[in-house]
Protein backbone atom coordinates (compact mmCIF):
# COMPACT_ATOMS: atom_id res chain seq x y z
CA MET A 1 30.30 -64.02 -58.69
CA THR A 2 32.84 -63.81 -61.49
CA THR A 3 35.75 -61.61 -59.89
CA ASP A 4 37.61 -59.20 -62.38
CA SER A 5 41.09 -57.64 -61.08
CA PHE A 6 41.32 -53.91 -61.69
CA THR A 7 44.54 -51.55 -61.14
CA ILE A 8 43.74 -48.60 -59.00
CA ARG A 9 44.33 -45.27 -60.85
CA SER A 10 43.17 -42.50 -58.93
CA ILE A 11 40.30 -41.97 -56.07
CA GLU A 12 38.69 -38.45 -55.23
CA ALA A 13 36.09 -37.28 -52.91
CA PHE A 14 34.33 -34.17 -54.07
CA CYS A 15 32.15 -32.81 -50.74
CA TYR A 16 28.69 -30.59 -51.73
CA ARG A 17 26.56 -28.79 -49.48
CA TYR A 18 23.18 -28.37 -50.50
CA PRO A 19 21.24 -24.77 -48.12
CA LEU A 20 17.74 -25.73 -47.16
CA ALA A 21 14.46 -23.47 -46.77
CA THR A 22 13.32 -25.34 -44.22
CA PRO A 23 15.52 -27.65 -41.77
CA VAL A 24 15.82 -31.60 -41.93
CA VAL A 25 14.40 -32.38 -38.17
CA THR A 26 14.74 -35.34 -35.89
CA SER A 27 14.43 -35.51 -32.52
CA PHE A 28 18.08 -35.66 -31.81
CA GLY A 29 18.85 -32.56 -33.94
CA LYS A 30 18.13 -30.14 -37.69
CA MET A 31 20.01 -30.35 -40.72
CA LEU A 32 20.32 -27.08 -41.97
CA ASN A 33 21.39 -27.85 -45.01
CA ARG A 34 22.20 -30.79 -47.32
CA PRO A 35 26.10 -32.12 -47.45
CA ALA A 36 26.84 -35.09 -49.64
CA VAL A 37 30.77 -36.89 -49.99
CA PHE A 38 30.65 -38.54 -53.52
CA VAL A 39 33.63 -40.18 -54.28
CA ARG A 40 35.35 -41.03 -57.63
CA ALA A 41 37.71 -44.48 -58.23
CA VAL A 42 39.18 -44.81 -62.02
CA ASP A 43 41.90 -47.79 -62.90
CA GLU A 44 44.66 -48.06 -65.32
CA ASP A 45 42.44 -48.88 -68.06
CA GLY A 46 39.99 -45.86 -67.80
CA VAL A 47 37.39 -47.43 -66.56
CA GLU A 48 35.08 -45.07 -62.99
CA GLY A 49 32.92 -46.30 -60.24
CA TRP A 50 31.53 -44.19 -57.98
CA GLY A 51 29.93 -43.67 -54.46
CA GLU A 52 29.02 -42.19 -51.02
CA ALA A 53 30.45 -41.72 -47.92
CA TRP A 54 27.31 -41.04 -44.83
CA SER A 55 28.11 -37.44 -43.79
CA ASN A 56 24.85 -36.39 -42.74
CA PHE A 57 26.16 -35.15 -38.56
CA PRO A 58 27.71 -33.71 -36.76
CA ALA A 59 27.47 -30.14 -38.81
CA PRO A 60 30.47 -29.83 -40.29
CA GLY A 61 31.44 -33.03 -41.12
CA ALA A 62 31.12 -34.19 -44.22
CA GLU A 63 34.48 -31.64 -45.49
CA HIS A 64 36.20 -34.13 -42.83
CA ARG A 65 35.00 -37.27 -44.33
CA ALA A 66 36.58 -35.84 -47.80
CA ARG A 67 39.56 -35.52 -46.33
CA LEU A 68 40.44 -38.30 -45.09
CA VAL A 69 39.14 -40.34 -48.71
CA ASN A 70 41.97 -37.62 -50.52
CA GLU A 71 44.19 -37.06 -48.15
CA VAL A 72 44.40 -40.34 -45.74
CA LEU A 73 42.70 -43.78 -47.76
CA ALA A 74 43.45 -42.89 -51.34
CA PRO A 75 46.94 -42.39 -51.43
CA GLY A 76 47.32 -45.84 -49.94
CA LEU A 77 45.54 -47.41 -53.11
CA VAL A 78 46.70 -45.00 -55.69
CA GLY A 79 48.72 -47.84 -58.03
CA ARG A 80 47.52 -51.86 -56.65
CA LYS A 81 46.39 -53.89 -57.85
CA PHE A 82 43.36 -56.08 -56.25
CA ASP A 83 41.16 -58.43 -57.53
CA SER A 84 38.29 -57.74 -55.87
CA PRO A 85 36.20 -54.79 -53.96
CA ALA A 86 36.13 -56.42 -51.07
CA GLN A 87 40.34 -56.98 -50.86
CA ALA A 88 40.58 -53.52 -51.24
CA PHE A 89 37.43 -53.42 -48.43
CA GLU A 90 39.34 -55.77 -45.73
CA VAL A 91 43.27 -54.07 -46.78
CA LEU A 92 42.08 -49.82 -45.84
CA SER A 93 39.85 -51.68 -43.04
CA LYS A 94 42.52 -53.22 -40.94
CA GLY A 95 45.35 -50.70 -42.78
CA THR A 96 43.84 -48.00 -40.37
CA GLU A 97 41.96 -50.15 -37.46
CA VAL A 98 44.57 -48.55 -35.27
CA LEU A 99 44.68 -44.97 -36.32
CA ALA A 100 40.79 -44.70 -36.12
CA LEU A 101 40.87 -45.88 -32.42
CA GLN A 102 44.24 -43.52 -32.28
CA CYS A 103 42.13 -40.00 -33.01
CA GLY A 104 38.76 -42.04 -31.63
CA GLU A 105 37.23 -41.85 -35.26
CA PRO A 106 36.40 -46.23 -36.54
CA GLY A 107 33.05 -43.50 -37.34
CA PRO A 108 34.28 -41.23 -39.64
CA PHE A 109 37.52 -43.84 -40.95
CA ALA A 110 33.87 -46.81 -41.54
CA GLN A 111 31.46 -43.96 -43.64
CA ALA A 112 34.79 -42.71 -46.19
CA ILE A 113 35.88 -46.35 -46.66
CA SER A 114 32.22 -46.79 -47.62
CA GLY A 115 32.38 -44.09 -49.80
CA ILE A 116 35.14 -46.24 -51.61
CA ASP A 117 34.11 -49.47 -51.15
CA LEU A 118 31.20 -48.37 -52.97
CA ALA A 119 32.61 -46.79 -55.95
CA LEU A 120 34.83 -49.93 -56.45
CA TRP A 121 31.83 -52.01 -56.88
CA ASP A 122 30.86 -49.83 -59.36
CA LEU A 123 34.32 -49.69 -61.04
CA SER A 124 34.56 -53.08 -60.95
CA ALA A 125 30.32 -54.24 -62.13
CA ARG A 126 30.99 -51.71 -65.08
CA ARG A 127 34.17 -53.98 -65.51
CA GLN A 128 31.99 -57.23 -65.66
CA ARG A 129 29.76 -55.23 -68.27
CA LEU A 130 26.89 -56.16 -65.20
CA PRO A 131 24.41 -54.16 -63.86
CA LEU A 132 25.15 -53.61 -60.14
CA TRP A 133 22.04 -56.26 -58.92
CA ARG A 134 23.21 -57.91 -61.51
CA LEU A 135 26.57 -58.68 -60.38
CA LEU A 136 25.03 -59.07 -56.33
CA GLY A 137 22.94 -61.62 -57.27
CA GLY A 138 19.50 -60.21 -58.11
CA GLN A 139 16.90 -61.75 -60.32
CA SER A 140 14.42 -58.83 -60.65
CA ARG A 141 14.45 -55.14 -61.59
CA ARG A 142 12.10 -54.00 -59.33
CA ILE A 143 11.94 -52.48 -55.81
CA LYS A 144 9.16 -51.34 -53.76
CA VAL A 145 10.57 -48.20 -52.35
CA TYR A 146 8.66 -45.93 -49.28
CA ALA A 147 8.25 -41.85 -48.84
CA SER A 148 10.94 -41.47 -45.43
CA GLY A 149 12.34 -38.48 -43.42
CA ILE A 150 9.08 -36.54 -42.93
CA ASN A 151 8.80 -34.13 -40.26
CA PRO A 152 6.55 -33.57 -37.71
CA GLY A 153 5.83 -29.74 -39.10
CA GLY A 154 3.79 -30.15 -42.09
CA ALA A 155 3.55 -33.25 -42.23
CA ALA A 156 0.84 -34.12 -44.05
CA GLN A 157 1.20 -32.02 -47.08
CA THR A 158 4.89 -34.00 -47.02
CA ALA A 159 2.85 -37.52 -47.61
CA GLU A 160 0.18 -36.30 -49.93
CA ALA A 161 3.53 -34.64 -52.06
CA ALA A 162 4.93 -38.00 -51.66
CA LEU A 163 1.52 -40.39 -52.77
CA ALA A 164 1.57 -37.74 -55.59
CA ARG A 165 5.14 -38.63 -56.72
CA GLY A 166 3.86 -42.47 -57.02
CA HIS A 167 4.81 -42.98 -53.46
CA ARG A 168 2.49 -45.70 -51.67
CA ALA A 169 3.94 -46.36 -48.50
CA LEU A 170 5.19 -43.86 -45.59
CA LYS A 171 7.18 -43.59 -43.09
CA LEU A 172 6.81 -40.58 -40.12
CA LYS A 173 9.83 -38.81 -37.57
CA VAL A 174 8.26 -39.10 -34.41
CA GLY A 175 9.75 -38.30 -30.74
CA PHE A 176 8.87 -34.78 -30.39
CA GLY A 177 5.85 -35.45 -27.91
CA ALA A 178 2.58 -37.72 -28.12
CA GLU A 179 0.55 -35.15 -28.82
CA THR A 180 2.01 -33.95 -31.91
CA ASP A 181 3.60 -37.31 -32.88
CA LEU A 182 -0.04 -39.39 -32.35
CA ALA A 183 -1.90 -36.34 -34.63
CA ASN A 184 0.41 -37.07 -37.52
CA LEU A 185 0.74 -40.56 -37.39
CA ALA A 186 -3.62 -40.16 -37.60
CA ALA A 187 -2.92 -37.81 -40.56
CA LEU A 188 -0.59 -40.16 -42.36
CA ARG A 189 -2.62 -43.19 -41.46
CA ALA A 190 -5.78 -41.67 -43.50
CA ILE A 191 -3.44 -40.06 -46.95
CA VAL A 192 -2.21 -43.61 -47.06
CA GLY A 193 -5.30 -45.40 -46.97
CA ALA A 194 -4.55 -48.86 -46.74
CA GLY A 195 -0.86 -48.60 -47.55
CA MET A 196 2.21 -49.68 -45.19
CA LEU A 197 3.26 -46.31 -42.94
CA ALA A 198 6.15 -47.14 -40.32
CA ALA A 199 7.31 -44.08 -37.22
CA ASP A 200 11.04 -43.01 -36.88
CA ALA A 201 11.88 -42.05 -33.00
CA ASN A 202 15.44 -41.57 -34.19
CA GLN A 203 16.50 -43.18 -30.49
CA GLY A 204 14.08 -40.35 -28.97
CA TRP A 205 12.75 -42.56 -26.04
CA SER A 206 13.99 -43.95 -22.66
CA VAL A 207 12.58 -47.48 -23.12
CA ASP A 208 9.75 -46.39 -20.15
CA GLN A 209 8.77 -43.66 -22.25
CA ALA A 210 8.35 -46.15 -25.46
CA LEU A 211 6.61 -48.38 -22.91
CA GLU A 212 4.35 -45.51 -22.28
CA MET A 213 4.20 -45.27 -26.18
CA LEU A 214 3.62 -48.74 -27.47
CA PRO A 215 0.20 -49.51 -27.03
CA ARG A 216 -1.19 -45.72 -28.08
CA LEU A 217 0.92 -46.63 -31.43
CA ALA A 218 -0.65 -49.56 -31.54
CA ALA A 219 -4.19 -47.95 -33.20
CA PHE A 220 -2.36 -46.57 -36.86
CA ASP A 221 -1.29 -50.89 -37.95
CA LEU A 222 2.62 -49.70 -38.08
CA ARG A 223 4.78 -51.94 -40.38
CA TRP A 224 7.80 -51.31 -37.77
CA LEU A 225 8.66 -48.74 -35.09
CA GLU A 226 12.76 -47.80 -36.18
CA GLU A 227 14.97 -46.95 -33.22
CA PRO A 228 12.71 -46.24 -30.40
CA ILE A 229 15.53 -46.33 -27.86
CA ARG A 230 19.68 -45.21 -27.86
CA ALA A 231 20.97 -47.97 -30.43
CA ASP A 232 23.80 -48.39 -27.44
CA ARG A 233 21.42 -49.41 -24.74
CA PRO A 234 21.53 -53.37 -23.07
CA ARG A 235 19.95 -55.79 -25.21
CA GLU A 236 17.33 -56.22 -21.83
CA GLU A 237 15.30 -53.05 -23.17
CA TRP A 238 15.63 -54.57 -26.22
CA ARG A 239 13.72 -57.49 -25.62
CA ARG A 240 10.94 -55.80 -23.00
CA LEU A 241 10.37 -53.54 -26.11
CA GLN A 242 9.77 -56.54 -28.33
CA ALA A 243 7.62 -57.83 -25.69
CA ALA A 244 5.67 -55.34 -25.30
CA ALA A 245 5.40 -54.48 -29.16
CA ARG A 246 2.41 -55.05 -31.53
CA MET A 247 4.40 -53.68 -34.02
CA PRO A 248 7.70 -55.24 -35.87
CA ILE A 249 10.95 -53.28 -34.11
CA ALA A 250 13.57 -52.05 -36.54
CA ALA A 251 16.91 -50.96 -36.26
CA GLY A 252 20.71 -51.28 -37.76
CA GLU A 253 21.92 -48.01 -39.27
CA ASN A 254 24.38 -47.83 -35.90
CA ILE A 255 25.54 -51.32 -36.50
CA SER A 256 28.33 -50.71 -37.36
CA SER A 257 30.11 -54.27 -37.44
CA VAL A 258 29.32 -58.19 -38.55
CA GLU A 259 29.35 -58.75 -34.81
CA GLY A 260 26.89 -56.91 -34.30
CA PHE A 261 25.18 -57.78 -36.96
CA LYS A 262 25.26 -61.23 -36.02
CA ASP A 263 24.14 -61.13 -32.55
CA VAL A 264 20.66 -59.00 -33.08
CA LEU A 265 20.18 -61.56 -35.89
CA ALA A 266 20.20 -64.52 -33.49
CA GLU A 267 17.45 -62.78 -31.17
CA ASP A 268 13.68 -62.06 -31.93
CA VAL A 269 14.17 -58.57 -31.18
CA LEU A 270 14.01 -56.55 -34.07
CA GLY A 271 11.77 -57.37 -37.35
CA VAL A 272 13.23 -55.25 -39.64
CA VAL A 273 17.15 -54.47 -39.79
CA GLN A 274 18.73 -52.03 -41.89
CA PRO A 275 22.29 -51.29 -42.48
CA ASP A 276 23.40 -48.08 -43.73
CA ILE A 277 25.81 -49.40 -47.02
CA ALA A 278 27.12 -45.37 -46.94
CA LYS A 279 27.73 -45.33 -42.56
CA TRP A 280 29.79 -49.26 -42.43
CA GLY A 281 30.77 -51.89 -44.14
CA GLY A 282 29.92 -50.76 -47.92
CA LEU A 283 28.93 -53.27 -49.82
CA SER A 284 31.46 -55.23 -49.48
CA ALA A 285 29.84 -56.17 -45.71
CA CYS A 286 26.97 -55.07 -46.29
CA ALA A 287 25.87 -57.56 -49.65
CA GLY A 288 26.85 -60.74 -46.71
CA VAL A 289 24.49 -58.60 -43.61
CA ALA A 290 21.42 -58.74 -45.75
CA ARG A 291 21.78 -62.24 -47.09
CA ASP A 292 22.07 -63.19 -43.42
CA ILE A 293 19.55 -60.89 -42.84
CA LEU A 294 16.38 -63.00 -44.47
CA LYS A 295 18.02 -66.13 -43.89
CA ALA A 296 17.18 -65.44 -40.22
CA GLY A 297 13.70 -64.34 -41.68
CA LYS A 298 13.77 -60.46 -40.53
CA THR A 299 12.73 -58.36 -42.94
CA PHE A 300 16.01 -56.39 -44.97
CA CYS A 301 15.06 -52.52 -45.21
CA PRO A 302 18.52 -50.57 -46.48
CA HIS A 303 18.93 -47.42 -44.54
CA TYR A 304 19.63 -44.15 -46.22
CA LEU A 305 19.62 -40.46 -46.23
CA GLY A 306 22.53 -39.21 -48.03
CA GLY A 307 22.91 -38.07 -51.99
CA GLY A 308 21.47 -40.03 -54.88
CA ILE A 309 24.41 -41.69 -55.44
CA GLY A 310 24.69 -44.04 -52.01
CA LEU A 311 20.74 -44.37 -52.68
CA LEU A 312 20.84 -45.73 -56.14
CA ALA A 313 23.71 -48.59 -54.99
CA SER A 314 21.00 -49.35 -51.99
CA ALA A 315 18.57 -49.85 -54.55
CA HIS A 316 20.74 -52.56 -56.53
CA LEU A 317 21.51 -53.47 -53.14
CA LEU A 318 18.09 -54.10 -52.63
CA ALA A 319 17.43 -55.82 -55.97
CA GLY A 320 20.68 -57.98 -55.65
CA ILE A 321 20.07 -59.84 -52.39
CA GLY A 322 15.83 -59.72 -52.81
CA GLY A 323 13.47 -60.27 -49.57
CA ASP A 324 10.05 -58.69 -49.50
CA GLY A 325 11.99 -55.18 -47.79
CA TRP A 326 11.30 -51.65 -49.11
CA LEU A 327 13.94 -49.24 -50.18
CA GLU A 328 14.63 -45.41 -48.28
CA VAL A 329 13.64 -43.18 -50.39
CA ASP A 330 13.74 -39.62 -48.88
CA ALA A 331 10.84 -36.99 -49.11
CA ASN A 332 12.67 -33.68 -48.43
CA ASP A 333 14.19 -31.16 -51.54
CA ASN A 334 17.34 -32.05 -51.33
CA PRO A 335 18.40 -32.00 -55.38
CA LEU A 336 22.04 -33.94 -54.15
CA ARG A 337 19.71 -36.59 -54.46
CA ASP A 338 17.28 -35.80 -56.71
CA ARG A 339 19.91 -35.49 -59.51
CA PHE A 340 22.05 -38.17 -58.46
CA CYS A 341 19.49 -41.04 -58.14
CA GLY A 342 19.16 -42.08 -61.52
CA ALA A 343 16.40 -44.95 -62.04
CA VAL A 344 15.26 -44.30 -58.34
CA ALA A 345 13.67 -40.92 -59.25
CA ASP A 346 10.81 -42.55 -61.71
CA VAL A 347 8.59 -44.79 -58.54
CA THR A 348 5.38 -45.24 -60.13
CA ASP A 349 2.60 -47.43 -58.11
CA GLY A 350 5.19 -47.64 -54.91
CA THR A 351 7.67 -49.54 -56.68
CA ILE A 352 11.32 -48.76 -58.82
CA VAL A 353 12.51 -49.90 -61.70
CA LEU A 354 16.21 -50.61 -62.24
CA GLY A 355 17.67 -50.84 -65.32
CA GLU A 356 20.69 -53.10 -67.22
CA GLU A 357 23.53 -50.70 -68.18
CA PRO A 358 26.55 -52.45 -66.27
CA GLY A 359 27.80 -50.61 -62.84
CA LEU A 360 24.76 -48.33 -60.75
CA GLY A 361 23.14 -47.18 -64.83
CA PHE A 362 24.60 -43.87 -63.94
CA THR A 363 27.70 -41.63 -64.36
CA PRO A 364 27.54 -38.65 -62.29
CA ASP A 365 27.60 -35.11 -63.90
CA LEU A 366 29.20 -32.67 -61.23
CA SER A 367 29.24 -29.92 -63.35
CA GLY A 368 25.26 -28.70 -62.36
CA ILE A 369 26.58 -28.89 -59.19
CA ALA A 370 29.36 -26.93 -58.91
CA ASN A 371 28.13 -24.05 -57.38
CA TYR A 372 27.39 -26.54 -53.81
CA ARG A 373 30.74 -27.61 -54.07
CA SER A 374 32.44 -26.98 -50.43
CA LEU A 375 35.47 -28.86 -50.89
């Protein structure tokens, strides 16, 4: 991979909230609105790049992450020259380790740093006049996608609407009681036919509850069962689940270190591994993790549930790394996603095709969402 040094002129985060008529529901809580923290980086030559920081929870957390970017992280980067985005990522990560520990906020710092990292990768690819997926080593710009975030209420209608938009693969949220979960899975399997169907419990079960559900889930030919138990449960509990499961177990969005991913890749528990580039690691850490996932013989599926810029960057990562995984595309109402996801908005027969334009191939016009800005 070639490098092209740059000097940072400015970094700025913009925070938005889109109010929801129908909340997004998970087993651990509801989202009453959709936040997005978009990050713009500009170098001394006037080249800009865009990224996004994960900001879904807690409810008031998006504004905090935007302020971390603007008031804590950006001042330490402005005027500095870097040889690569990865170098800036290392400087930010190492330089804030003690501060993040002191205030008990490794997560928010990692997410704010990820947003900056994604913006710098976009900027770097634009400088080199390469689409980001090519800069990451990609050979094909077509990737598979799946419709995600399907709520327990109105699941069939959401699934049918997703298929009408071109989707051929679905993921249902479960963890709302066996009767509701099984009825929704039956409905979605009928709707998607032989297409891919997965389920996500969002850490909602104990290991005993998960073991009780596994035989009942076997009838639906699930491509994977995601986070059936808490991400921090002992590895022995995860091994028990894998031994009893008739479908692959998936996780990764709540792993936040290279060492954590090395641990899960060294064992056979997870069949599908899902780092989230806006939540931890950006592209600087997660590109290497994604390559390691494929080397370990597992399926790489980037996790994502936010605004459009991070979704588009996740698409470029999947196309850049390759493999046979799917890109997660939220099926719920969110103009902060739809207006800014570029090629991801055009789903045809379960796939999207990225462009050959430099960087992300998309420059956001934020003027159209000015009324949603919260910081």
